[in-house]
């Protein structure tokens, strides 16, 4: 499944990084959020609270290394999928 994240990244449908993820949630662009299972408690609270308020589903199925490798960056704790089609691929 991480290879689908790379596909979404190449298609320009991913906002990677905690700040970009929170902004995507706030601006109602985020359709699905991935949160690293090993993210700090502060990061988890920040993302989960914002996602809960805006009713955006959150998946905590990957760790930081997996998320980072999937999008070709380092130390990615959270990322948002901004396309409903890609989000549906992960919800199945």
N, C-alpha and C. Protein backbone atom coordinates (compact mmCIF):
# COMPACT_ATOMS: atom_id res chain seq x y z
N UNK A 1 0.79 -1.21 0.00
CA UNK A 1 0.00 0.00 0.00
C UNK A 1 0.84 1.28 0.00
N UNK A 2 2.05 1.30 0.58
CA UNK A 2 2.84 2.54 0.52
C UNK A 2 3.16 2.99 -0.91
N UNK A 3 3.22 2.03 -1.86
CA UNK A 3 3.50 2.43 -3.23
C UNK A 3 2.37 3.30 -3.81
N UNK A 4 1.17 3.15 -3.29
CA UNK A 4 0.06 4.01 -3.72
C UNK A 4 0.26 5.44 -3.22
N UNK A 5 0.91 5.59 -2.07
CA UNK A 5 1.24 6.93 -1.58
C UNK A 5 2.19 7.62 -2.54
N UNK A 6 3.16 6.86 -3.05
CA UNK A 6 4.09 7.41 -4.03
C UNK A 6 3.39 7.84 -5.30
N UNK A 7 2.42 7.04 -5.72
CA UNK A 7 1.63 7.36 -6.92
C UNK A 7 0.84 8.66 -6.69
N UNK A 8 0.24 8.78 -5.53
CA UNK A 8 -0.50 10.00 -5.19
C UNK A 8 0.44 11.20 -5.13
N UNK A 9 1.65 10.99 -4.61
CA UNK A 9 2.65 12.06 -4.54
C UNK A 9 3.02 12.55 -5.93
N UNK A 10 3.28 11.62 -6.83
CA UNK A 10 3.64 11.98 -8.20
C UNK A 10 2.49 12.72 -8.89
N UNK A 11 1.26 12.35 -8.55
CA UNK A 11 0.09 13.00 -9.14
C UNK A 11 -0.18 14.37 -8.51
N UNK A 12 0.58 14.73 -7.48
CA UNK A 12 0.40 16.02 -6.84
C UNK A 12 -0.79 16.08 -5.91
N UNK A 13 -1.18 14.94 -5.37
CA UNK A 13 -2.37 14.87 -4.50
C UNK A 13 -2.01 14.61 -3.04
N UNK A 14 -0.79 14.93 -2.65
CA UNK A 14 -0.33 14.71 -1.28
C UNK A 14 0.24 16.00 -0.71
N UNK A 15 -0.14 16.30 0.53
CA UNK A 15 0.47 17.38 1.30
C UNK A 15 1.25 16.69 2.41
N UNK A 16 2.57 16.71 2.33
CA UNK A 16 3.42 15.97 3.28
C UNK A 16 4.01 16.91 4.33
N UNK A 17 3.99 16.44 5.56
CA UNK A 17 4.51 17.22 6.68
C UNK A 17 3.36 17.64 7.58
N UNK A 18 3.65 17.76 8.85
CA UNK A 18 2.60 18.05 9.82
C UNK A 18 1.93 19.39 9.56
N UNK A 19 2.70 20.44 9.34
CA UNK A 19 2.11 21.76 9.11
C UNK A 19 1.26 21.79 7.85
N UNK A 20 1.75 21.18 6.77
CA UNK A 20 0.99 21.14 5.52
C UNK A 20 -0.27 20.29 5.67
N UNK A 21 -0.17 19.23 6.46
CA UNK A 21 -1.33 18.36 6.69
C UNK A 21 -2.41 19.12 7.46
N UNK A 22 -2.02 19.79 8.53
CA UNK A 22 -2.98 20.56 9.33
C UNK A 22 -3.62 21.65 8.47
N UNK A 23 -2.83 22.31 7.65
CA UNK A 23 -3.37 23.36 6.77
C UNK A 23 -4.34 22.76 5.74
N UNK A 24 -4.02 21.58 5.21
CA UNK A 24 -4.93 20.92 4.26
C UNK A 24 -6.24 20.54 4.93
N UNK A 25 -6.17 20.10 6.17
CA UNK A 25 -7.39 19.77 6.91
C UNK A 25 -8.21 21.04 7.13
N UNK A 26 -7.55 22.08 7.59
CA UNK A 26 -8.23 23.34 7.90
C UNK A 26 -8.89 23.94 6.65
N UNK A 27 -8.23 23.82 5.51
CA UNK A 27 -8.78 24.39 4.27
C UNK A 27 -9.72 23.43 3.55
N UNK A 28 -10.02 22.31 4.20
CA UNK A 28 -10.96 21.30 3.69
C UNK A 28 -10.50 20.65 2.39
N UNK A 29 -9.19 20.62 2.16
CA UNK A 29 -8.63 19.91 1.01
C UNK A 29 -8.38 18.45 1.32
N UNK A 30 -8.09 18.14 2.57
CA UNK A 30 -7.72 16.78 2.96
C UNK A 30 -8.94 15.87 2.93
N UNK A 31 -8.78 14.74 2.25
CA UNK A 31 -9.83 13.72 2.21
C UNK A 31 -9.50 12.55 3.13
N UNK A 32 -8.21 12.36 3.37
CA UNK A 32 -7.72 11.28 4.23
C UNK A 32 -6.35 11.70 4.76
N UNK A 33 -6.08 11.37 6.01
CA UNK A 33 -4.80 11.72 6.62
C UNK A 33 -4.09 10.46 7.09
N UNK A 34 -2.81 10.39 6.82
CA UNK A 34 -1.95 9.34 7.37
C UNK A 34 -1.11 9.97 8.46
N UNK A 35 -1.12 9.34 9.62
CA UNK A 35 -0.36 9.82 10.76
C UNK A 35 0.59 8.70 11.17
N UNK A 36 1.87 9.02 11.31
CA UNK A 36 2.87 8.01 11.67
C UNK A 36 2.53 7.42 13.04
N UNK A 37 2.60 6.11 13.11
CA UNK A 37 2.29 5.42 14.37
C UNK A 37 3.29 5.76 15.47
N UNK A 38 4.48 6.20 15.08
CA UNK A 38 5.51 6.56 16.05
C UNK A 38 5.69 8.08 16.21
N UNK A 39 4.68 8.84 15.80
CA UNK A 39 4.74 10.30 15.96
C UNK A 39 4.64 10.65 17.45
N UNK A 40 5.13 11.82 17.80
CA UNK A 40 5.08 12.25 19.19
C UNK A 40 3.62 12.47 19.62
N UNK A 41 3.40 12.44 20.92
CA UNK A 41 2.05 12.66 21.45
C UNK A 41 1.51 14.02 21.05
N UNK A 42 2.38 15.03 21.05
CA UNK A 42 1.97 16.38 20.69
C UNK A 42 1.52 16.44 19.22
N UNK A 43 2.28 15.82 18.34
CA UNK A 43 1.92 15.78 16.92
C UNK A 43 0.62 15.03 16.71
N UNK A 44 0.49 13.89 17.37
CA UNK A 44 -0.74 13.11 17.25
C UNK A 44 -1.95 13.91 17.71
N UNK A 45 -1.83 14.57 18.86
CA UNK A 45 -2.95 15.36 19.37
C UNK A 45 -3.31 16.48 18.41
N UNK A 46 -2.31 17.16 17.90
CA UNK A 46 -2.55 18.29 16.99
C UNK A 46 -3.30 17.83 15.74
N UNK A 47 -2.83 16.75 15.12
CA UNK A 47 -3.44 16.26 13.88
C UNK A 47 -4.81 15.63 14.16
N UNK A 48 -4.89 14.80 15.19
CA UNK A 48 -6.16 14.12 15.49
C UNK A 48 -7.25 15.10 15.90
N UNK A 49 -6.92 16.11 16.68
CA UNK A 49 -7.92 17.10 17.07
C UNK A 49 -8.45 17.85 15.87
N UNK A 50 -7.54 18.27 15.00
CA UNK A 50 -7.96 19.02 13.81
C UNK A 50 -8.79 18.13 12.87
N UNK A 51 -8.34 16.89 12.67
CA UNK A 51 -9.07 15.96 11.80
C UNK A 51 -10.44 15.64 12.36
N UNK A 52 -10.51 15.49 13.67
CA UNK A 52 -11.80 15.20 14.30
C UNK A 52 -12.77 16.36 14.12
N UNK A 53 -12.28 17.56 14.31
CA UNK A 53 -13.13 18.74 14.17
C UNK A 53 -13.69 18.88 12.76
N UNK A 54 -12.85 18.60 11.76
CA UNK A 54 -13.26 18.73 10.36
C UNK A 54 -13.75 17.41 9.75
N UNK A 55 -13.90 16.37 10.56
CA UNK A 55 -14.42 15.05 10.14
C UNK A 55 -13.61 14.44 8.99
N UNK A 56 -12.30 14.45 9.14
CA UNK A 56 -11.40 13.84 8.16
C UNK A 56 -10.89 12.53 8.75
N UNK A 57 -11.04 11.41 8.03
CA UNK A 57 -10.54 10.14 8.56
C UNK A 57 -9.01 10.11 8.66
N UNK A 58 -8.52 9.43 9.70
CA UNK A 58 -7.08 9.34 9.95
C UNK A 58 -6.70 7.87 10.05
N UNK A 59 -5.62 7.50 9.36
CA UNK A 59 -5.08 6.14 9.44
C UNK A 59 -3.70 6.21 10.09
N UNK A 60 -3.47 5.35 11.07
CA UNK A 60 -2.17 5.27 11.74
C UNK A 60 -1.57 3.89 11.50
N UNK A 61 -1.41 3.52 10.24
CA UNK A 61 -0.97 2.16 9.91
C UNK A 61 0.49 2.08 9.50
N UNK A 62 1.14 3.21 9.29
CA UNK A 62 2.55 3.22 8.88
C UNK A 62 3.38 3.98 9.90
N UNK A 63 4.67 3.67 9.95
CA UNK A 63 5.57 4.42 10.81
C UNK A 63 6.23 5.54 9.99
N UNK A 64 7.04 6.34 10.66
CA UNK A 64 7.69 7.49 10.01
C UNK A 64 8.54 7.07 8.81
N UNK A 65 9.31 6.00 8.98
CA UNK A 65 10.20 5.55 7.90
C UNK A 65 9.40 5.15 6.66
N UNK A 66 8.30 4.46 6.84
CA UNK A 66 7.48 4.01 5.71
C UNK A 66 6.84 5.20 5.00
N UNK A 67 6.26 6.12 5.76
CA UNK A 67 5.64 7.31 5.15
C UNK A 67 6.68 8.14 4.40
N UNK A 68 7.84 8.32 5.02
CA UNK A 68 8.90 9.13 4.41
C UNK A 68 9.39 8.51 3.12
N UNK A 69 9.64 7.21 3.14
CA UNK A 69 10.12 6.53 1.95
C UNK A 69 9.09 6.56 0.83
N UNK A 70 7.82 6.42 1.18
CA UNK A 70 6.76 6.39 0.17
C UNK A 70 6.67 7.68 -0.62
N UNK A 71 6.94 8.82 0.02
CA UNK A 71 6.85 10.10 -0.68
C UNK A 71 8.21 10.70 -1.02
N UNK A 72 9.28 9.95 -0.74
CA UNK A 72 10.62 10.39 -1.12
C UNK A 72 11.15 11.56 -0.32
N UNK A 73 10.76 11.65 0.94
CA UNK A 73 11.24 12.72 1.82
C UNK A 73 11.72 12.10 3.13
N UNK A 74 12.17 12.93 4.04
CA UNK A 74 12.65 12.41 5.32
C UNK A 74 11.81 12.95 6.47
N UNK A 75 11.68 12.14 7.50
CA UNK A 75 11.04 12.51 8.75
C UNK A 75 9.60 13.02 8.58
N UNK A 76 8.81 12.33 7.77
CA UNK A 76 7.41 12.70 7.57
C UNK A 76 6.56 12.01 8.62
N UNK A 77 5.90 12.81 9.46
CA UNK A 77 5.05 12.29 10.53
C UNK A 77 3.58 12.27 10.14
N UNK A 78 3.19 13.12 9.20
CA UNK A 78 1.79 13.19 8.78
C UNK A 78 1.74 13.61 7.32
N UNK A 79 0.74 13.09 6.63
CA UNK A 79 0.49 13.56 5.27
C UNK A 79 -0.98 13.45 4.95
N UNK A 80 -1.43 14.32 4.08
CA UNK A 80 -2.83 14.38 3.71
C UNK A 80 -2.99 14.03 2.24
N UNK A 81 -3.99 13.21 1.95
CA UNK A 81 -4.38 12.91 0.57
C UNK A 81 -5.47 13.91 0.21
N UNK A 82 -5.29 14.64 -0.90
CA UNK A 82 -6.23 15.70 -1.25
C UNK A 82 -7.16 15.34 -2.40
N UNK A 83 -7.15 14.09 -2.80
CA UNK A 83 -8.01 13.65 -3.90
C UNK A 83 -8.89 12.50 -3.40
N UNK A 84 -10.19 12.59 -3.64
CA UNK A 84 -11.12 11.58 -3.14
C UNK A 84 -10.87 10.21 -3.77
N UNK A 85 -10.47 10.18 -5.02
CA UNK A 85 -10.18 8.91 -5.69
C UNK A 85 -9.03 8.16 -5.02
N UNK A 86 -7.95 8.87 -4.74
CA UNK A 86 -6.82 8.24 -4.03
C UNK A 86 -7.23 7.86 -2.61
N UNK A 87 -8.00 8.72 -1.95
CA UNK A 87 -8.45 8.41 -0.60
C UNK A 87 -9.28 7.13 -0.58
N UNK A 88 -10.13 6.95 -1.56
CA UNK A 88 -10.95 5.74 -1.64
C UNK A 88 -10.09 4.48 -1.81
N UNK A 89 -8.97 4.59 -2.51
CA UNK A 89 -8.07 3.43 -2.69
C UNK A 89 -7.55 2.94 -1.35
N UNK A 90 -7.31 3.84 -0.43
CA UNK A 90 -6.75 3.47 0.87
C UNK A 90 -7.81 3.03 1.87
N UNK A 91 -9.04 3.45 1.68
CA UNK A 91 -10.10 3.10 2.62
C UNK A 91 -10.59 1.67 2.47
N UNK A 92 -10.28 1.05 1.34
CA UNK A 92 -10.76 -0.32 1.09
C UNK A 92 -10.04 -1.32 1.94
